[in-house]
Amino acid sequence: MHSEERRVQLTGGSTLIISLPKWWLDAFKVKKGDSLIISEHPSGGLTIIPKDVRISDCEININEGSDVTNVLRELISFYLAGYNFIKINISTHNPEVLNTLKSSIRRLLAGAEVVDESYNRLVVELIPLFQNTSHLKSIERMGVISYYMLRDSLRAVETGDRELAREIINRDDEVDRFYYYFHRSVNNLLMPLAARLEKVSLNPHDAVSYVMAARSIERIADHATNIASMVVEEPLEGQKLEKIIKIGYDATELFRVAVDLLLNPSVKELECLLSDSEAMISDIQKAHSRLSRASSPPSERLLYYNIRRIIEYSMDICENALNIATPKPRFIHTGKDNV
């Protein structure tokens, strides 16, 4: 990454100008009369990019004997990196691999469309989902889906409903889709061109906190899936678990409020919610301690563990929301250069 200092020049008596580095002009083939886009950062800095450029494409080559799981991991990595076109080349015709990849793309990669297909090639185009709206919509969707997964998983424990539990497990892919999409959006903040093309509306200062909060939401959905999986494997005796189920519903509401405050932070409300969360952790520790002394089945202990982790991840969301609510610094001129 190049960095250099350049002085501002005065021309025409009142216009301030700065020359652009030759290596940069050559790299982007910029010439007289071309248009440049100048964008201001929240901190006050500027980014300059040519108007008529695009993001490069990438390719994945699948050879005979390649593990389709590893290919899918590579595809997700390119998706997260911010590529808009991903070409997948297959050395030998393999309908099973093609169908697995197409199914995974539809299931896991929001905004991804197969736009070209032949017996040995797929071309995937990534289309922005939330143009002209906030990319926080993906976090909002993650929160809503995960909230109902939690509520329904506790209901499945109460009723022993295995069909409901199986349906909850299938919803987890939808949370993953929005998590990957949001992660991709944040990565695009590191590429000003991609941020402009996809209209990424996040403040870069807050990006890390949002990613960590989104990861916590994704993990909470995983714990809802764990609870549902327990019901599928062996329905629990809901009547004997009334106390922990009540704590579970309280934890679900805690999570819902945490996500609401992540999207609309209020320092005072977040601090109150964190205090409530600490009290819930204390309650569940006491209940779990009594359960341990009573030699309860492992499945009941596992239920306690999952609910406790849901509370802890909700606290993580609150802490990241506090970071986002904190005022951000801006660049200010020190006047030291005026010599």
Protein backbone atom coordinates (compact mmCIF):
# COMPACT_ATOMS: atom_id res chain seq x y z
CA MET A 1 0.00 0.00 0.00
CA HIS A 2 1.47 3.33 -1.13
CA SER A 3 1.45 6.42 1.08
CA GLU A 4 3.07 9.77 0.48
CA GLU A 5 2.79 13.43 1.47
CA ARG A 6 1.81 16.08 -1.08
CA ARG A 7 1.45 19.83 -0.61
CA VAL A 8 -1.66 21.78 -1.55
CA GLN A 9 -0.98 24.32 -4.33
CA LEU A 10 -2.76 27.59 -5.16
CA THR A 11 -3.81 28.22 -8.75
CA GLY A 12 -5.85 30.97 -10.39
CA GLY A 13 -5.62 33.12 -7.31
CA SER A 14 -8.28 31.29 -5.28
CA THR A 15 -8.39 27.57 -6.21
CA LEU A 16 -6.52 25.00 -4.13
CA ILE A 17 -5.31 21.87 -5.99
CA ILE A 18 -3.23 18.78 -5.31
CA SER A 19 -1.50 16.64 -7.94
CA LEU A 20 -2.18 12.90 -8.13
CA PRO A 21 0.69 10.36 -8.01
CA LYS A 22 1.83 9.10 -11.43
CA TRP A 23 1.93 5.45 -10.28
CA TRP A 24 -1.77 5.70 -9.32
CA LEU A 25 -2.75 7.39 -12.60
CA ASP A 26 -0.89 4.67 -14.55
CA ALA A 27 -2.44 1.83 -12.51
CA PHE A 28 -5.98 3.00 -13.30
CA LYS A 29 -5.19 4.46 -16.75
CA VAL A 30 -6.57 7.85 -15.69
CA LYS A 31 -6.18 10.60 -18.28
CA LYS A 32 -7.19 14.21 -18.78
CA GLY A 33 -10.96 14.66 -18.74
CA ASP A 34 -11.72 11.47 -16.77
CA SER A 35 -14.08 11.69 -13.80
CA LEU A 36 -13.07 10.77 -10.26
CA ILE A 37 -15.30 10.08 -7.26
CA ILE A 38 -14.29 11.81 -3.99
CA SER A 39 -15.90 10.43 -0.84
CA GLU A 40 -15.64 11.73 2.72
CA HIS A 41 -14.99 9.30 5.58
CA PRO A 42 -16.85 9.77 8.87
CA SER A 43 -13.51 10.72 10.44
CA GLY A 44 -13.06 13.53 7.90
CA GLY A 45 -10.57 11.86 5.52
CA LEU A 46 -11.15 11.55 1.78
CA THR A 47 -11.04 8.62 -0.65
CA ILE A 48 -10.51 9.11 -4.40
CA ILE A 49 -11.44 6.42 -6.92
CA PRO A 50 -11.93 6.48 -10.71
CA LYS A 51 -15.54 6.52 -11.85
CA ASP A 52 -15.26 3.98 -14.67
CA VAL A 53 -13.70 0.93 -13.01
CA ARG A 54 -15.06 -2.35 -11.67
CA ILE A 55 -14.09 -5.12 -9.26
CA SER A 56 -12.03 -7.95 -10.74
CA ASP A 57 -13.48 -11.46 -11.20
CA CYS A 58 -12.19 -14.68 -9.64
CA GLU A 59 -12.13 -18.35 -10.60
CA ILE A 60 -12.39 -21.66 -8.78
CA ASN A 61 -11.08 -24.78 -10.53
CA ILE A 62 -12.54 -28.16 -9.57
CA ASN A 63 -10.49 -31.18 -10.53
CA GLU A 64 -11.54 -34.82 -10.48
CA GLY A 65 -11.53 -36.01 -6.87
CA SER A 66 -11.91 -32.51 -5.39
CA ASP A 67 -13.83 -32.42 -2.11
CA VAL A 68 -17.04 -30.48 -2.75
CA THR A 69 -17.06 -29.32 0.89
CA ASN A 70 -13.67 -27.63 0.40
CA VAL A 71 -14.89 -26.11 -2.87
CA LEU A 72 -17.90 -24.67 -1.03
CA ARG A 73 -15.61 -23.19 1.65
CA GLU A 74 -13.53 -21.54 -1.10
CA LEU A 75 -16.70 -20.19 -2.74
CA ILE A 76 -17.89 -18.68 0.56
CA SER A 77 -14.44 -17.11 1.08
CA PHE A 78 -14.58 -15.40 -2.34
CA TYR A 79 -18.15 -14.28 -1.59
CA LEU A 80 -17.06 -12.72 1.71
CA ALA A 81 -14.05 -11.10 0.03
CA GLY A 82 -16.39 -8.98 -2.11
CA TYR A 83 -16.11 -10.43 -5.63
CA ASN A 84 -19.11 -9.74 -7.87
CA PHE A 85 -18.45 -12.53 -10.41
CA ILE A 86 -17.17 -15.98 -9.43
CA LYS A 87 -16.45 -18.49 -12.21
CA ILE A 88 -16.40 -22.17 -11.25
CA ASN A 89 -14.63 -24.45 -13.76
CA ILE A 90 -15.10 -28.23 -13.53
CA SER A 91 -12.51 -30.43 -15.28
CA THR A 92 -14.92 -33.35 -15.84
CA HIS A 93 -18.71 -33.37 -16.10
CA ASN A 94 -20.13 -34.11 -12.65
CA PRO A 95 -23.88 -33.44 -12.24
CA GLU A 96 -23.75 -34.28 -8.52
CA VAL A 97 -21.12 -31.60 -7.82
CA LEU A 98 -22.99 -29.05 -9.95
CA ASN A 99 -26.29 -29.70 -8.19
CA THR A 100 -24.67 -29.59 -4.73
CA LEU A 101 -23.02 -26.25 -5.52
CA LYS A 102 -26.20 -24.70 -6.95
CA SER A 103 -28.22 -25.85 -3.96
CA SER A 104 -25.62 -24.46 -1.53
CA ILE A 105 -25.47 -21.13 -3.38
CA ARG A 106 -29.25 -20.71 -3.12
CA ARG A 107 -29.29 -21.82 0.53
CA LEU A 108 -26.30 -19.92 1.94
CA LEU A 109 -25.31 -16.95 -0.25
CA ALA A 110 -27.77 -14.05 -0.19
CA GLY A 111 -27.78 -12.07 -3.43
CA ALA A 112 -25.94 -14.82 -5.36
CA GLU A 113 -27.42 -15.90 -8.70
CA VAL A 114 -26.19 -18.51 -11.19
CA VAL A 115 -26.21 -16.44 -14.40
CA ASP A 116 -24.41 -18.87 -16.72
CA GLU A 117 -24.23 -22.65 -16.64
CA SER A 118 -22.84 -25.39 -18.87
CA TYR A 119 -21.81 -29.02 -18.30
CA ASN A 120 -18.45 -27.94 -16.87
CA ARG A 121 -18.89 -24.34 -15.68
CA LEU A 122 -20.97 -22.14 -13.39
CA VAL A 123 -20.84 -18.34 -13.29
CA VAL A 124 -22.17 -16.77 -10.10
CA GLU A 125 -23.07 -13.07 -9.97
CA LEU A 126 -23.46 -11.25 -6.64
CA ILE A 127 -26.27 -8.70 -6.62
CA PRO A 128 -26.66 -6.15 -3.79
CA LEU A 129 -29.78 -6.91 -1.74
CA PHE A 130 -30.33 -3.65 0.11
CA GLN A 131 -29.66 -0.87 -2.39
CA ASN A 132 -30.88 2.50 -1.12
CA THR A 133 -31.54 1.05 2.34
CA SER A 134 -29.29 0.35 5.32
CA HIS A 135 -27.15 -2.79 5.29
CA LEU A 136 -28.22 -3.16 8.92
CA LYS A 137 -31.38 -4.69 7.44
CA SER A 138 -29.46 -7.98 7.30
CA ILE A 139 -28.77 -7.81 11.05
CA GLU A 140 -32.42 -6.97 11.65
CA ARG A 141 -33.49 -10.04 9.65
CA MET A 142 -30.99 -12.24 11.53
CA GLY A 143 -32.41 -11.00 14.81
CA VAL A 144 -36.04 -11.65 13.86
CA ILE A 145 -35.38 -15.16 12.55
CA SER A 146 -33.22 -16.09 15.56
CA TYR A 147 -35.81 -14.71 18.02
CA TYR A 148 -38.57 -16.94 16.65
CA MET A 149 -36.17 -19.89 16.47
CA LEU A 150 -35.58 -19.46 20.21
CA ARG A 151 -39.26 -19.14 21.08
CA ASP A 152 -40.23 -22.10 18.95
CA SER A 153 -37.40 -24.30 20.25
CA LEU A 154 -38.61 -23.75 23.83
CA ARG A 155 -42.15 -24.54 22.72
CA ALA A 156 -40.86 -27.73 21.13
CA VAL A 157 -39.26 -28.67 24.47
CA GLU A 158 -42.57 -28.01 26.27
CA THR A 159 -44.68 -30.00 23.83
CA GLY A 160 -42.20 -32.59 22.53
CA ASP A 161 -43.08 -31.51 18.97
CA ARG A 162 -40.43 -33.12 16.75
CA GLU A 163 -41.82 -31.71 13.50
CA LEU A 164 -41.54 -28.17 14.85
CA ALA A 165 -38.00 -28.95 16.04
CA ARG A 166 -36.97 -30.17 12.56
CA GLU A 167 -38.41 -27.03 10.96
CA ILE A 168 -36.40 -24.85 13.40
CA ILE A 169 -33.18 -26.63 12.41
CA ASN A 170 -33.84 -25.81 8.75
CA ARG A 171 -34.23 -22.09 9.57
CA ASP A 172 -30.61 -21.89 10.73
CA ASP A 173 -29.39 -21.68 7.11
CA GLU A 174 -31.38 -18.46 6.68
CA VAL A 175 -29.53 -16.84 9.60
CA ASP A 176 -26.22 -17.97 8.09
CA ARG A 177 -27.22 -16.40 4.75
CA PHE A 178 -27.73 -12.97 6.27
CA TYR A 179 -24.61 -13.30 8.43
CA TYR A 180 -22.46 -14.04 5.38
CA TYR A 181 -24.09 -11.16 3.49
CA PHE A 182 -23.46 -8.69 6.28
CA HIS A 183 -19.85 -9.91 6.68
CA ARG A 184 -19.37 -9.36 2.94
CA SER A 185 -20.78 -5.82 3.23
CA VAL A 186 -18.34 -4.95 6.01
CA ASN A 187 -15.40 -6.36 4.03
CA ASN A 188 -16.46 -4.10 1.16
CA LEU A 189 -15.94 -1.11 3.42
CA LEU A 190 -12.22 -1.84 3.09
CA MET A 191 -12.56 -1.36 -0.69
CA PRO A 192 -13.93 2.13 -1.43
CA LEU A 193 -14.93 1.10 -4.96
CA ALA A 194 -16.97 -1.85 -3.69
CA ALA A 195 -18.53 0.30 -0.98
CA ARG A 196 -19.65 2.82 -3.61
CA LEU A 197 -20.98 0.20 -6.04
CA GLU A 198 -22.94 -1.67 -3.36
CA LYS A 199 -23.91 1.53 -1.49
CA VAL A 200 -22.55 0.25 1.82
CA SER A 201 -23.99 2.65 4.38
CA LEU A 202 -22.12 1.53 7.51
CA ASN A 203 -19.81 3.77 9.50
CA PRO A 204 -16.36 2.13 9.23
CA HIS A 205 -15.69 3.00 12.89
CA ASP A 206 -18.55 0.72 13.92
CA ALA A 207 -17.85 -2.11 11.48
CA VAL A 208 -15.95 -4.38 13.89
CA SER A 209 -18.59 -3.99 16.61
CA TYR A 210 -21.38 -4.81 14.17
CA VAL A 211 -19.55 -7.89 12.88
CA MET A 212 -18.98 -9.15 16.42
CA ALA A 213 -22.64 -8.54 17.28
CA ALA A 214 -23.78 -10.31 14.10
CA ARG A 215 -21.57 -13.25 15.01
CA SER A 216 -23.23 -13.40 18.44
CA ILE A 217 -26.67 -13.45 16.78
CA GLU A 218 -25.54 -16.27 14.50
CA ARG A 219 -24.26 -18.24 17.50
CA ILE A 220 -27.57 -17.72 19.33
CA ALA A 221 -29.36 -19.23 16.32
CA ASP A 222 -26.97 -22.19 16.61
CA HIS A 223 -27.97 -22.66 20.25
CA ALA A 224 -31.66 -22.56 19.28
CA THR A 225 -30.80 -25.28 16.75
CA ASN A 226 -29.04 -27.27 19.49
CA ILE A 227 -32.17 -27.14 21.66
CA ALA A 228 -34.35 -28.22 18.73
CA SER A 229 -31.94 -31.07 17.93
CA MET A 230 -32.31 -32.35 21.49
CA VAL A 231 -36.08 -32.61 20.94
CA VAL A 232 -35.61 -34.45 17.63
CA GLU A 233 -33.25 -36.98 19.22
CA GLU A 234 -35.23 -37.55 22.41
CA PRO A 235 -38.14 -35.34 23.54
CA LEU A 236 -37.56 -33.90 27.02
CA GLU A 237 -40.08 -33.97 29.85
CA GLY A 238 -41.26 -30.37 29.55
CA GLN A 239 -43.30 -30.43 32.75
CA LYS A 240 -40.20 -31.17 34.83
CA LEU A 241 -38.30 -28.31 33.18
CA GLU A 242 -40.75 -25.52 33.91
CA LYS A 243 -38.18 -23.35 35.73
CA ILE A 244 -35.46 -23.53 33.08
CA ILE A 245 -38.03 -23.05 30.29
CA LYS A 246 -39.18 -19.85 32.01
CA ILE A 247 -35.55 -18.64 32.19
CA GLY A 248 -35.29 -19.57 28.51
CA TYR A 249 -38.25 -17.35 27.60
CA ASP A 250 -36.74 -14.53 29.66
CA ALA A 251 -33.45 -15.02 27.82
CA THR A 252 -35.33 -14.86 24.51
CA GLU A 253 -36.84 -11.48 25.42
CA LEU A 254 -33.43 -10.28 26.59
CA PHE A 255 -32.03 -11.19 23.18
CA ARG A 256 -34.86 -9.40 21.35
CA VAL A 257 -34.29 -6.17 23.29
CA ALA A 258 -30.51 -6.46 22.81
CA VAL A 259 -30.93 -6.60 19.01
CA ASP A 260 -33.37 -3.65 19.09
CA LEU A 261 -30.79 -1.61 21.03
CA LEU A 262 -28.03 -2.69 18.66
CA LEU A 263 -29.99 -1.12 15.81
CA ASN A 264 -31.03 1.93 17.89
CA PRO A 265 -28.44 2.28 20.69
CA SER A 266 -29.29 3.96 23.99
CA VAL A 267 -26.49 3.95 26.55
CA LYS A 268 -28.80 4.15 29.56
CA GLU A 269 -31.05 1.31 28.35
CA LEU A 270 -28.07 -0.85 27.43
CA GLU A 271 -26.54 -0.43 30.89
CA CYS A 272 -29.85 -1.42 32.51
CA LEU A 273 -30.15 -4.45 30.24
CA LEU A 274 -26.62 -5.59 31.08
CA SER A 275 -27.46 -5.38 34.80
CA ASP A 276 -30.58 -7.51 34.22
CA SER A 277 -28.46 -9.98 32.24
CA GLU A 278 -25.99 -10.40 35.10
CA ALA A 279 -28.90 -11.17 37.45
CA MET A 280 -30.18 -13.80 35.00
CA ILE A 281 -26.74 -15.41 34.84
CA SER A 282 -26.73 -15.62 38.64
CA ASP A 283 -30.20 -17.25 38.64
CA ILE A 284 -29.27 -19.83 36.04
CA GLN A 285 -26.03 -20.70 37.87
CA LYS A 286 -27.99 -21.39 41.06
CA ALA A 287 -30.56 -23.48 39.19
CA HIS A 288 -27.82 -25.43 37.41
CA SER A 289 -26.04 -26.07 40.70
CA ARG A 290 -29.20 -27.61 42.18
CA LEU A 291 -29.62 -29.65 39.02
CA SER A 292 -26.07 -31.01 39.34
CA ARG A 293 -26.69 -32.14 42.92
CA ALA A 294 -29.90 -33.88 41.84
CA SER A 295 -28.06 -36.01 39.24
CA SER A 296 -30.36 -34.97 36.42
CA PRO A 297 -30.06 -36.43 32.88
CA PRO A 298 -27.32 -34.98 30.63
CA SER A 299 -29.96 -33.59 28.24
CA GLU A 300 -31.34 -31.31 30.97
CA ARG A 301 -27.85 -30.07 31.83
CA LEU A 302 -27.30 -29.38 28.12
CA LEU A 303 -30.49 -27.35 27.99
CA TYR A 304 -29.23 -25.19 30.88
CA TYR A 305 -25.90 -24.73 29.11
CA ASN A 306 -27.53 -23.59 25.84
CA ILE A 307 -29.77 -21.07 27.60
CA ARG A 308 -26.85 -19.70 29.59
CA ARG A 309 -24.85 -19.20 26.38
CA ILE A 310 -27.84 -17.38 24.84
CA ILE A 311 -27.78 -14.94 27.77
CA GLU A 312 -24.01 -14.47 27.49
CA TYR A 313 -24.16 -13.83 23.73
CA SER A 314 -27.00 -11.34 24.31
CA MET A 315 -24.69 -9.52 26.75
CA ASP A 316 -22.00 -9.47 24.04
CA ILE A 317 -24.51 -7.83 21.69
CA CYS A 318 -25.23 -5.16 24.34
CA GLU A 319 -21.53 -4.47 24.87
CA ASN A 320 -20.97 -4.03 21.13
CA ALA A 321 -24.00 -1.74 20.96
CA LEU A 322 -22.39 0.38 23.70
CA ASN A 323 -19.24 0.63 21.57
CA ILE A 324 -21.35 1.79 18.63
CA ALA A 325 -23.12 4.40 20.77
CA THR A 326 -19.78 5.96 21.79
CA PRO A 327 -19.01 9.24 19.91
CA LYS A 328 -16.31 8.76 17.27
CA PRO A 329 -13.19 10.96 16.85
CA ARG A 330 -12.59 13.08 13.76
CA PHE A 331 -9.42 14.43 12.21
CA ILE A 332 -8.70 18.06 13.19
CA HIS A 333 -6.02 20.30 11.73
CA THR A 334 -3.23 21.07 14.18
CA GLY A 335 -1.90 24.04 12.21
CA LYS A 336 1.66 22.72 12.51
CA ASP A 337 2.11 22.53 8.72
CA ASN A 338 1.57 26.25 8.17
CA VAL A 339 5.24 27.20 8.16
